[in-house]
Amino acid sequence: AIYYCAAAHRPFSYHTVVLTTHEY
């Protein structure tokens, strides 16, 4: 596949792992 790196669109809490595409 093509692999993409992404950063969340806002500073989530310190321990939150962001799982959904629309949050990046």
mmCIF file of all heavy atoms, coordinates in Angstrom:
data_MODEL
# 
_entry.id   MODEL 
# 
loop_
_atom_site.group_PDB 
_atom_site.id 
_atom_site.type_symbol 
_atom_site.label_atom_id 
_atom_site.label_alt_id 
_atom_site.label_comp_id 
_atom_site.label_asym_id 
_atom_site.label_entity_id 
_atom_site.label_seq_id 
_atom_site.pdbx_PDB_ins_code 
_atom_site.Cartn_x 
_atom_site.Cartn_y 
_atom_site.Cartn_z 
_atom_site.occupancy 
_atom_site.B_iso_or_equiv 
_atom_site.pdbx_formal_charge 
_atom_site.auth_seq_id 
_atom_site.auth_comp_id 
_atom_site.auth_asym_id 
_atom_site.auth_atom_id 
_atom_site.pdbx_PDB_model_num 
ATOM 1   N N   . ALA A 1 1  ? 0.853   -1.192 0.000  1.00 0.00 ? 1  ALA A N   1 
ATOM 2   C CA  . ALA A 1 1  ? 0.000   0.000  0.000  1.00 0.00 ? 1  ALA A CA  1 
ATOM 3   C C   . ALA A 1 1  ? 0.887   1.240  0.000  1.00 0.00 ? 1  ALA A C   1 
ATOM 4   O O   . ALA A 1 1  ? 2.109   1.141  0.178  1.00 0.00 ? 1  ALA A O   1 
ATOM 5   C CB  . ALA A 1 1  ? -0.907  0.024  1.229  1.00 0.00 ? 1  ALA A CB  1 
ATOM 6   N N   . ILE A 1 2  ? 0.258   2.382  -0.171 1.00 0.00 ? 2  ILE A N   1 
ATOM 7   C CA  . ILE A 1 2  ? 0.923   3.653  0.124  1.00 0.00 ? 2  ILE A CA  1 
ATOM 8   C C   . ILE A 1 2  ? 0.676   3.944  1.600  1.00 0.00 ? 2  ILE A C   1 
ATOM 9   O O   . ILE A 1 2  ? -0.474  3.902  2.054  1.00 0.00 ? 2  ILE A O   1 
ATOM 10  C CB  . ILE A 1 2  ? 0.396   4.797  -0.756 1.00 0.00 ? 2  ILE A CB  1 
ATOM 11  C CG1 . ILE A 1 2  ? 0.637   4.485  -2.230 1.00 0.00 ? 2  ILE A CG1 1 
ATOM 12  C CG2 . ILE A 1 2  ? 1.067   6.113  -0.370 1.00 0.00 ? 2  ILE A CG2 1 
ATOM 13  C CD1 . ILE A 1 2  ? 0.021   5.496  -3.176 1.00 0.00 ? 2  ILE A CD1 1 
ATOM 14  N N   . TYR A 1 3  ? 1.732   4.224  2.320  1.00 0.00 ? 3  TYR A N   1 
ATOM 15  C CA  . TYR A 1 3  ? 1.644   4.494  3.755  1.00 0.00 ? 3  TYR A CA  1 
ATOM 16  C C   . TYR A 1 3  ? 1.768   5.994  3.998  1.00 0.00 ? 3  TYR A C   1 
ATOM 17  O O   . TYR A 1 3  ? 2.683   6.645  3.471  1.00 0.00 ? 3  TYR A O   1 
ATOM 18  C CB  . TYR A 1 3  ? 2.737   3.740  4.506  1.00 0.00 ? 3  TYR A CB  1 
ATOM 19  C CG  . TYR A 1 3  ? 2.417   2.274  4.666  1.00 0.00 ? 3  TYR A CG  1 
ATOM 20  C CD1 . TYR A 1 3  ? 2.438   1.406  3.574  1.00 0.00 ? 3  TYR A CD1 1 
ATOM 21  C CD2 . TYR A 1 3  ? 2.051   1.750  5.900  1.00 0.00 ? 3  TYR A CD2 1 
ATOM 22  C CE1 . TYR A 1 3  ? 2.117   0.069  3.708  1.00 0.00 ? 3  TYR A CE1 1 
ATOM 23  C CE2 . TYR A 1 3  ? 1.727   0.412  6.050  1.00 0.00 ? 3  TYR A CE2 1 
ATOM 24  C CZ  . TYR A 1 3  ? 1.756   -0.424 4.953  1.00 0.00 ? 3  TYR A CZ  1 
ATOM 25  O OH  . TYR A 1 3  ? 1.425   -1.756 5.085  1.00 0.00 ? 3  TYR A OH  1 
ATOM 26  N N   . TYR A 1 4  ? 0.842   6.511  4.802  1.00 0.00 ? 4  TYR A N   1 
ATOM 27  C CA  . TYR A 1 4  ? 0.778   7.928  5.103  1.00 0.00 ? 4  TYR A CA  1 
ATOM 28  C C   . TYR A 1 4  ? 0.973   8.166  6.598  1.00 0.00 ? 4  TYR A C   1 
ATOM 29  O O   . TYR A 1 4  ? 0.382   7.468  7.432  1.00 0.00 ? 4  TYR A O   1 
ATOM 30  C CB  . TYR A 1 4  ? -0.575  8.507  4.693  1.00 0.00 ? 4  TYR A CB  1 
ATOM 31  C CG  . TYR A 1 4  ? -0.876  8.434  3.221  1.00 0.00 ? 4  TYR A CG  1 
ATOM 32  C CD1 . TYR A 1 4  ? -1.538  7.343  2.679  1.00 0.00 ? 4  TYR A CD1 1 
ATOM 33  C CD2 . TYR A 1 4  ? -0.514  9.481  2.373  1.00 0.00 ? 4  TYR A CD2 1 
ATOM 34  C CE1 . TYR A 1 4  ? -1.826  7.269  1.325  1.00 0.00 ? 4  TYR A CE1 1 
ATOM 35  C CE2 . TYR A 1 4  ? -0.800  9.426  1.014  1.00 0.00 ? 4  TYR A CE2 1 
ATOM 36  C CZ  . TYR A 1 4  ? -1.450  8.322  0.501  1.00 0.00 ? 4  TYR A CZ  1 
ATOM 37  O OH  . TYR A 1 4  ? -1.738  8.268  -0.842 1.00 0.00 ? 4  TYR A OH  1 
ATOM 38  N N   . CYS A 1 5  ? 1.749   9.173  6.898  1.00 0.00 ? 5  CYS A N   1 
ATOM 39  C CA  . CYS A 1 5  ? 1.894   9.665  8.263  1.00 0.00 ? 5  CYS A CA  1 
ATOM 40  C C   . CYS A 1 5  ? 0.896   10.803 8.465  1.00 0.00 ? 5  CYS A C   1 
ATOM 41  O O   . CYS A 1 5  ? 0.616   11.564 7.515  1.00 0.00 ? 5  CYS A O   1 
ATOM 42  C CB  . CYS A 1 5  ? 3.323   10.152 8.446  1.00 0.00 ? 5  CYS A CB  1 
ATOM 43  S SG  . CYS A 1 5  ? 3.663   11.014 9.964  1.00 0.00 ? 5  CYS A SG  1 
ATOM 44  N N   . ALA A 1 6  ? 0.361   10.932 9.670  1.00 0.00 ? 6  ALA A N   1 
ATOM 45  C CA  . ALA A 1 6  ? -0.618  11.978 9.928  1.00 0.00 ? 6  ALA A CA  1 
ATOM 46  C C   . ALA A 1 6  ? -0.471  12.507 11.348 1.00 0.00 ? 6  ALA A C   1 
ATOM 47  O O   . ALA A 1 6  ? -0.060  11.781 12.258 1.00 0.00 ? 6  ALA A O   1 
ATOM 48  C CB  . ALA A 1 6  ? -2.028  11.447 9.707  1.00 0.00 ? 6  ALA A CB  1 
ATOM 49  N N   . ALA A 1 7  ? -0.838  13.781 11.501 1.00 0.00 ? 7  ALA A N   1 
ATOM 50  C CA  . ALA A 1 7  ? -0.873  14.426 12.812 1.00 0.00 ? 7  ALA A CA  1 
ATOM 51  C C   . ALA A 1 7  ? -2.302  14.862 13.106 1.00 0.00 ? 7  ALA A C   1 
ATOM 52  O O   . ALA A 1 7  ? -3.006  15.345 12.204 1.00 0.00 ? 7  ALA A O   1 
ATOM 53  C CB  . ALA A 1 7  ? 0.068   15.622 12.835 1.00 0.00 ? 7  ALA A CB  1 
ATOM 54  N N   . ALA A 1 8  ? -2.720  14.695 14.347 1.00 0.00 ? 8  ALA A N   1 
ATOM 55  C CA  . ALA A 1 8  ? -4.079  15.074 14.737 1.00 0.00 ? 8  ALA A CA  1 
ATOM 56  C C   . ALA A 1 8  ? -4.309  16.570 14.510 1.00 0.00 ? 8  ALA A C   1 
ATOM 57  O O   . ALA A 1 8  ? -3.392  17.375 14.606 1.00 0.00 ? 8  ALA A O   1 
ATOM 58  C CB  . ALA A 1 8  ? -4.325  14.719 16.191 1.00 0.00 ? 8  ALA A CB  1 
ATOM 59  N N   . HIS A 1 9  ? -5.559  16.913 14.238 1.00 0.00 ? 9  HIS A N   1 
ATOM 60  C CA  . HIS A 1 9  ? -5.853  18.300 13.845 1.00 0.00 ? 9  HIS A CA  1 
ATOM 61  C C   . HIS A 1 9  ? -5.905  19.245 15.035 1.00 0.00 ? 9  HIS A C   1 
ATOM 62  O O   . HIS A 1 9  ? -5.947  20.455 14.853 1.00 0.00 ? 9  HIS A O   1 
ATOM 63  C CB  . HIS A 1 9  ? -7.166  18.349 13.061 1.00 0.00 ? 9  HIS A CB  1 
ATOM 64  C CG  . HIS A 1 9  ? -8.386  18.084 13.890 1.00 0.00 ? 9  HIS A CG  1 
ATOM 65  N ND1 . HIS A 1 9  ? -9.054  19.070 14.578 1.00 0.00 ? 9  HIS A ND1 1 
ATOM 66  C CD2 . HIS A 1 9  ? -9.060  16.938 14.137 1.00 0.00 ? 9  HIS A CD2 1 
ATOM 67  C CE1 . HIS A 1 9  ? -10.096 18.532 15.203 1.00 0.00 ? 9  HIS A CE1 1 
ATOM 68  N NE2 . HIS A 1 9  ? -10.118 17.250 14.959 1.00 0.00 ? 9  HIS A NE2 1 
ATOM 69  N N   . ARG A 1 10 ? -5.902  18.707 16.250 1.00 0.00 ? 10 ARG A N   1 
ATOM 70  C CA  . ARG A 1 10 ? -5.903  19.558 17.446 1.00 0.00 ? 10 ARG A CA  1 
ATOM 71  C C   . ARG A 1 10 ? -5.137  18.834 18.550 1.00 0.00 ? 10 ARG A C   1 
ATOM 72  O O   . ARG A 1 10 ? -4.923  17.620 18.456 1.00 0.00 ? 10 ARG A O   1 
ATOM 73  C CB  . ARG A 1 10 ? -7.339  19.839 17.897 1.00 0.00 ? 10 ARG A CB  1 
ATOM 74  C CG  . ARG A 1 10 ? -8.141  18.611 18.295 1.00 0.00 ? 10 ARG A CG  1 
ATOM 75  C CD  . ARG A 1 10 ? -9.544  19.001 18.736 1.00 0.00 ? 10 ARG A CD  1 
ATOM 76  N NE  . ARG A 1 10 ? -10.395 17.844 19.008 1.00 0.00 ? 10 ARG A NE  1 
ATOM 77  C CZ  . ARG A 1 10 ? -10.475 17.253 20.185 1.00 0.00 ? 10 ARG A CZ  1 
ATOM 78  N NH1 . ARG A 1 10 ? -9.745  17.682 21.197 1.00 0.00 ? 10 ARG A NH1 1 
ATOM 79  N NH2 . ARG A 1 10 ? -11.293 16.214 20.361 1.00 0.00 ? 10 ARG A NH2 1 
ATOM 80  N N   . PRO A 1 11 ? -4.707  19.550 19.588 1.00 0.00 ? 11 PRO A N   1 
ATOM 81  C CA  . PRO A 1 11 ? -3.975  18.906 20.678 1.00 0.00 ? 11 PRO A CA  1 
ATOM 82  C C   . PRO A 1 11 ? -4.903  18.113 21.590 1.00 0.00 ? 11 PRO A C   1 
ATOM 83  O O   . PRO A 1 11 ? -5.474  18.660 22.527 1.00 0.00 ? 11 PRO A O   1 
ATOM 84  C CB  . PRO A 1 11 ? -3.297  20.062 21.408 1.00 0.00 ? 11 PRO A CB  1 
ATOM 85  C CG  . PRO A 1 11 ? -4.003  21.282 20.975 1.00 0.00 ? 11 PRO A CG  1 
ATOM 86  C CD  . PRO A 1 11 ? -4.734  21.018 19.730 1.00 0.00 ? 11 PRO A CD  1 
ATOM 87  N N   . PHE A 1 12 ? -5.045  16.819 21.314 1.00 0.00 ? 12 PHE A N   1 
ATOM 88  C CA  . PHE A 1 12 ? -5.812  15.935 22.163 1.00 0.00 ? 12 PHE A CA  1 
ATOM 89  C C   . PHE A 1 12 ? -5.122  15.779 23.520 1.00 0.00 ? 12 PHE A C   1 
ATOM 90  O O   . PHE A 1 12 ? -3.963  16.136 23.683 1.00 0.00 ? 12 PHE A O   1 
ATOM 91  C CB  . PHE A 1 12 ? -5.958  14.564 21.496 1.00 0.00 ? 12 PHE A CB  1 
ATOM 92  C CG  . PHE A 1 12 ? -6.980  14.536 20.390 1.00 0.00 ? 12 PHE A CG  1 
ATOM 93  C CD1 . PHE A 1 12 ? -6.629  14.933 19.102 1.00 0.00 ? 12 PHE A CD1 1 
ATOM 94  C CD2 . PHE A 1 12 ? -8.274  14.123 20.627 1.00 0.00 ? 12 PHE A CD2 1 
ATOM 95  C CE1 . PHE A 1 12 ? -7.555  14.906 18.071 1.00 0.00 ? 12 PHE A CE1 1 
ATOM 96  C CE2 . PHE A 1 12 ? -9.207  14.093 19.606 1.00 0.00 ? 12 PHE A CE2 1 
ATOM 97  C CZ  . PHE A 1 12 ? -8.848  14.490 18.327 1.00 0.00 ? 12 PHE A CZ  1 
ATOM 98  N N   . SER A 1 13 ? -5.858  15.230 24.482 1.00 0.00 ? 13 SER A N   1 
ATOM 99  C CA  . SER A 1 13 ? -5.273  15.037 25.799 1.00 0.00 ? 13 SER A CA  1 
ATOM 100 C C   . SER A 1 13 ? -4.035  14.155 25.699 1.00 0.00 ? 13 SER A C   1 
ATOM 101 O O   . SER A 1 13 ? -3.882  13.382 24.757 1.00 0.00 ? 13 SER A O   1 
ATOM 102 C CB  . SER A 1 13 ? -6.298  14.426 26.755 1.00 0.00 ? 13 SER A CB  1 
ATOM 103 O OG  . SER A 1 13 ? -6.634  13.125 26.338 1.00 0.00 ? 13 SER A OG  1 
ATOM 104 N N   . TYR A 1 14 ? -3.188  14.252 26.696 1.00 0.00 ? 14 TYR A N   1 
ATOM 105 C CA  . TYR A 1 14 ? -1.840  13.701 26.648 1.00 0.00 ? 14 TYR A CA  1 
ATOM 106 C C   . TYR A 1 14 ? -1.803  12.208 26.339 1.00 0.00 ? 14 TYR A C   1 
ATOM 107 O O   . TYR A 1 14 ? -0.896  11.722 25.665 1.00 0.00 ? 14 TYR A O   1 
ATOM 108 C CB  . TYR A 1 14 ? -1.148  13.992 27.973 1.00 0.00 ? 14 TYR A CB  1 
ATOM 109 C CG  . TYR A 1 14 ? 0.337   13.824 27.983 1.00 0.00 ? 14 TYR A CG  1 
ATOM 110 C CD1 . TYR A 1 14 ? 1.146   14.541 27.102 1.00 0.00 ? 14 TYR A CD1 1 
ATOM 111 C CD2 . TYR A 1 14 ? 0.956   12.966 28.883 1.00 0.00 ? 14 TYR A CD2 1 
ATOM 112 C CE1 . TYR A 1 14 ? 2.512   14.388 27.111 1.00 0.00 ? 14 TYR A CE1 1 
ATOM 113 C CE2 . TYR A 1 14 ? 2.332   12.807 28.894 1.00 0.00 ? 14 TYR A CE2 1 
ATOM 114 C CZ  . TYR A 1 14 ? 3.096   13.534 28.010 1.00 0.00 ? 14 TYR A CZ  1 
ATOM 115 O OH  . TYR A 1 14 ? 4.460   13.378 28.021 1.00 0.00 ? 14 TYR A OH  1 
ATOM 116 N N   . HIS A 1 15 ? -2.781  11.460 26.823 1.00 0.00 ? 15 HIS A N   1 
ATOM 117 C CA  . HIS A 1 15 ? -2.740  10.007 26.696 1.00 0.00 ? 15 HIS A CA  1 
ATOM 118 C C   . HIS A 1 15 ? -3.672  9.460  25.610 1.00 0.00 ? 15 HIS A C   1 
ATOM 119 O O   . HIS A 1 15 ? -3.806  8.252  25.473 1.00 0.00 ? 15 HIS A O   1 
ATOM 120 C CB  . HIS A 1 15 ? -3.094  9.362  28.029 1.00 0.00 ? 15 HIS A CB  1 
ATOM 121 C CG  . HIS A 1 15 ? -2.154  9.734  29.134 1.00 0.00 ? 15 HIS A CG  1 
ATOM 122 N ND1 . HIS A 1 15 ? -0.822  9.358  29.146 1.00 0.00 ? 15 HIS A ND1 1 
ATOM 123 C CD2 . HIS A 1 15 ? -2.342  10.478 30.253 1.00 0.00 ? 15 HIS A CD2 1 
ATOM 124 C CE1 . HIS A 1 15 ? -0.243  9.837  30.220 1.00 0.00 ? 15 HIS A CE1 1 
ATOM 125 N NE2 . HIS A 1 15 ? -1.133  10.526 30.916 1.00 0.00 ? 15 HIS A NE2 1 
ATOM 126 N N   . THR A 1 16 ? -4.291  10.314 24.833 1.00 0.00 ? 16 THR A N   1 
ATOM 127 C CA  . THR A 1 16 ? -5.257  9.880  23.829 1.00 0.00 ? 16 THR A CA  1 
ATOM 128 C C   . THR A 1 16 ? -4.573  9.425  22.549 1.00 0.00 ? 16 THR A C   1 
ATOM 129 O O   . THR A 1 16 ? -3.771  10.166 21.972 1.00 0.00 ? 16 THR A O   1 
ATOM 130 C CB  . THR A 1 16 ? -6.244  11.006 23.500 1.00 0.00 ? 16 THR A CB  1 
ATOM 131 O OG1 . THR A 1 16 ? -6.981  11.350 24.667 1.00 0.00 ? 16 THR A OG1 1 
ATOM 132 C CG2 . THR A 1 16 ? -7.217  10.576 22.403 1.00 0.00 ? 16 THR A CG2 1 
ATOM 133 N N   . VAL A 1 17 ? -4.912  8.206  22.119 1.00 0.00 ? 17 VAL A N   1 
ATOM 134 C CA  . VAL A 1 17 ? -4.501  7.724  20.798 1.00 0.00 ? 17 VAL A CA  1 
ATOM 135 C C   . VAL A 1 17 ? -5.663  7.989  19.841 1.00 0.00 ? 17 VAL A C   1 
ATOM 136 O O   . VAL A 1 17 ? -6.793  7.587  20.109 1.00 0.00 ? 17 VAL A O   1 
ATOM 137 C CB  . VAL A 1 17 ? -4.163  6.226  20.826 1.00 0.00 ? 17 VAL A CB  1 
ATOM 138 C CG1 . VAL A 1 17 ? -3.733  5.762  19.428 1.00 0.00 ? 17 VAL A CG1 1 
ATOM 139 C CG2 . VAL A 1 17 ? -3.072  5.937  21.836 1.00 0.00 ? 17 VAL A CG2 1 
ATOM 140 N N   . VAL A 1 18 ? -5.404  8.671  18.785 1.00 0.00 ? 18 VAL A N   1 
ATOM 141 C CA  . VAL A 1 18 ? -6.444  9.062  17.834 1.00 0.00 ? 18 VAL A CA  1 
ATOM 142 C C   . VAL A 1 18 ? -6.566  7.987  16.764 1.00 0.00 ? 18 VAL A C   1 
ATOM 143 O O   . VAL A 1 18 ? -5.579  7.619  16.132 1.00 0.00 ? 18 VAL A O   1 
ATOM 144 C CB  . VAL A 1 18 ? -6.097  10.426 17.214 1.00 0.00 ? 18 VAL A CB  1 
ATOM 145 C CG1 . VAL A 1 18 ? -7.171  10.851 16.219 1.00 0.00 ? 18 VAL A CG1 1 
ATOM 146 C CG2 . VAL A 1 18 ? -5.959  11.487 18.310 1.00 0.00 ? 18 VAL A CG2 1 
ATOM 147 N N   . LEU A 1 19 ? -7.799  7.504  16.559 1.00 0.00 ? 19 LEU A N   1 
ATOM 148 C CA  . LEU A 1 19 ? -7.994  6.323  15.725 1.00 0.00 ? 19 LEU A CA  1 
ATOM 149 C C   . LEU A 1 19 ? -8.662  6.611  14.386 1.00 0.00 ? 19 LEU A C   1 
ATOM 150 O O   . LEU A 1 19 ? -8.559  5.796  13.469 1.00 0.00 ? 19 LEU A O   1 
ATOM 151 C CB  . LEU A 1 19 ? -8.841  5.292  16.477 1.00 0.00 ? 19 LEU A CB  1 
ATOM 152 C CG  . LEU A 1 19 ? -8.330  4.854  17.848 1.00 0.00 ? 19 LEU A CG  1 
ATOM 153 C CD1 . LEU A 1 19 ? -9.267  3.801  18.443 1.00 0.00 ? 19 LEU A CD1 1 
ATOM 154 C CD2 . LEU A 1 19 ? -6.914  4.310  17.752 1.00 0.00 ? 19 LEU A CD2 1 
ATOM 155 N N   . THR A 1 20 ? -9.365  7.721  14.274 1.00 0.00 ? 20 THR A N   1 
ATOM 156 C CA  . THR A 1 20 ? -10.207 7.925  13.103 1.00 0.00 ? 20 THR A CA  1 
ATOM 157 C C   . THR A 1 20 ? -9.611  8.944  12.145 1.00 0.00 ? 20 THR A C   1 
ATOM 158 O O   . THR A 1 20 ? -9.033  9.951  12.548 1.00 0.00 ? 20 THR A O   1 
ATOM 159 C CB  . THR A 1 20 ? -11.603 8.386  13.515 1.00 0.00 ? 20 THR A CB  1 
ATOM 160 O OG1 . THR A 1 20 ? -11.470 9.543  14.354 1.00 0.00 ? 20 THR A OG1 1 
ATOM 161 C CG2 . THR A 1 20 ? -12.319 7.297  14.281 1.00 0.00 ? 20 THR A CG2 1 
ATOM 162 N N   . THR A 1 21 ? -9.798  8.681  10.850 1.00 0.00 ? 21 THR A N   1 
ATOM 163 C CA  . THR A 1 21 ? -9.210  9.505  9.809  1.00 0.00 ? 21 THR A CA  1 
ATOM 164 C C   . THR A 1 21 ? -9.610  10.968 9.945  1.00 0.00 ? 21 THR A C   1 
ATOM 165 O O   . THR A 1 21 ? -8.761  11.865 9.803  1.00 0.00 ? 21 THR A O   1 
ATOM 166 C CB  . THR A 1 21 ? -9.638  8.987  8.425  1.00 0.00 ? 21 THR A CB  1 
ATOM 167 O OG1 . THR A 1 21 ? -9.354  7.607  8.325  1.00 0.00 ? 21 THR A OG1 1 
ATOM 168 C CG2 . THR A 1 21 ? -8.935  9.737  7.316  1.00 0.00 ? 21 THR A CG2 1 
ATOM 169 N N   . HIS A 1 22 ? -10.851 11.256 10.263 1.00 0.00 ? 22 HIS A N   1 
ATOM 170 C CA  . HIS A 1 22 ? -11.324 12.639 10.255 1.00 0.00 ? 22 HIS A CA  1 
ATOM 171 C C   . HIS A 1 22 ? -10.760 13.461 11.407 1.00 0.00 ? 22 HIS A C   1 
ATOM 172 O O   . HIS A 1 22 ? -10.862 14.686 11.398 1.00 0.00 ? 22 HIS A O   1 
ATOM 173 C CB  . HIS A 1 22 ? -12.848 12.699 10.257 1.00 0.00 ? 22 HIS A CB  1 
ATOM 174 C CG  . HIS A 1 22 ? -13.476 12.327 11.574 1.00 0.00 ? 22 HIS A CG  1 
ATOM 175 N ND1 . HIS A 1 22 ? -13.776 11.041 11.917 1.00 0.00 ? 22 HIS A ND1 1 
ATOM 176 C CD2 . HIS A 1 22 ? -13.841 13.101 12.628 1.00 0.00 ? 22 HIS A CD2 1 
ATOM 177 C CE1 . HIS A 1 22 ? -14.315 11.027 13.121 1.00 0.00 ? 22 HIS A CE1 1 
ATOM 178 N NE2 . HIS A 1 22 ? -14.367 12.259 13.571 1.00 0.00 ? 22 HIS A NE2 1 
ATOM 179 N N   . GLU A 1 23 ? -10.145 12.812 12.400 1.00 0.00 ? 23 GLU A N   1 
ATOM 180 C CA  . GLU A 1 23 ? -9.521  13.541 13.503 1.00 0.00 ? 23 GLU A CA  1 
ATOM 181 C C   . GLU A 1 23 ? -8.078  13.947 13.181 1.00 0.00 ? 23 GLU A C   1 
ATOM 182 O O   . GLU A 1 23 ? -7.443  14.628 13.971 1.00 0.00 ? 23 GLU A O   1 
ATOM 183 C CB  . GLU A 1 23 ? -9.537  12.700 14.772 1.00 0.00 ? 23 GLU A CB  1 
ATOM 184 C CG  . GLU A 1 23 ? -10.926 12.388 15.298 1.00 0.00 ? 23 GLU A CG  1 
ATOM 185 C CD  . GLU A 1 23 ? -11.540 13.567 16.051 1.00 0.00 ? 23 GLU A CD  1 
ATOM 186 O OE1 . GLU A 1 23 ? -11.105 14.717 15.868 1.00 0.00 ? 23 GLU A OE1 1 
ATOM 187 O OE2 . GLU A 1 23 ? -12.484 13.320 16.825 1.00 0.00 ? 23 GLU A OE2 1 
ATOM 188 N N   . TYR A 1 24 ? -7.591  13.523 12.039 1.00 0.00 ? 24 TYR A N   1 
ATOM 189 C CA  . TYR A 1 24 ? -6.246  13.904 11.610 1.00 0.00 ? 24 TYR A CA  1 
ATOM 190 C C   . TYR A 1 24 ? -6.341  15.037 10.597 1.00 0.00 ? 24 TYR A C   1 
ATOM 191 O O   . TYR A 1 24 ? -7.090  14.939 9.635  1.00 0.00 ? 24 TYR A O   1 
ATOM 192 C CB  . TYR A 1 24 ? -5.514  12.702 11.000 1.00 0.00 ? 24 TYR A CB  1 
ATOM 193 C CG  . TYR A 1 24 ? -5.050  11.711 12.040 1.00 0.00 ? 24 TYR A CG  1 
ATOM 194 C CD1 . TYR A 1 24 ? -5.871  10.669 12.461 1.00 0.00 ? 24 TYR A CD1 1 
ATOM 195 C CD2 . TYR A 1 24 ? -3.787  11.833 12.622 1.00 0.00 ? 24 TYR A CD2 1 
ATOM 196 C CE1 . TYR A 1 24 ? -5.443  9.777  13.434 1.00 0.00 ? 24 TYR A CE1 1 
ATOM 197 C CE2 . TYR A 1 24 ? -3.350  10.939 13.580 1.00 0.00 ? 24 TYR A CE2 1 
ATOM 198 C CZ  . TYR A 1 24 ? -4.182  9.915  13.986 1.00 0.00 ? 24 TYR A CZ  1 
ATOM 199 O OH  . TYR A 1 24 ? -3.760  9.034  14.952 1.00 0.00 ? 24 TYR A OH  1 
# 
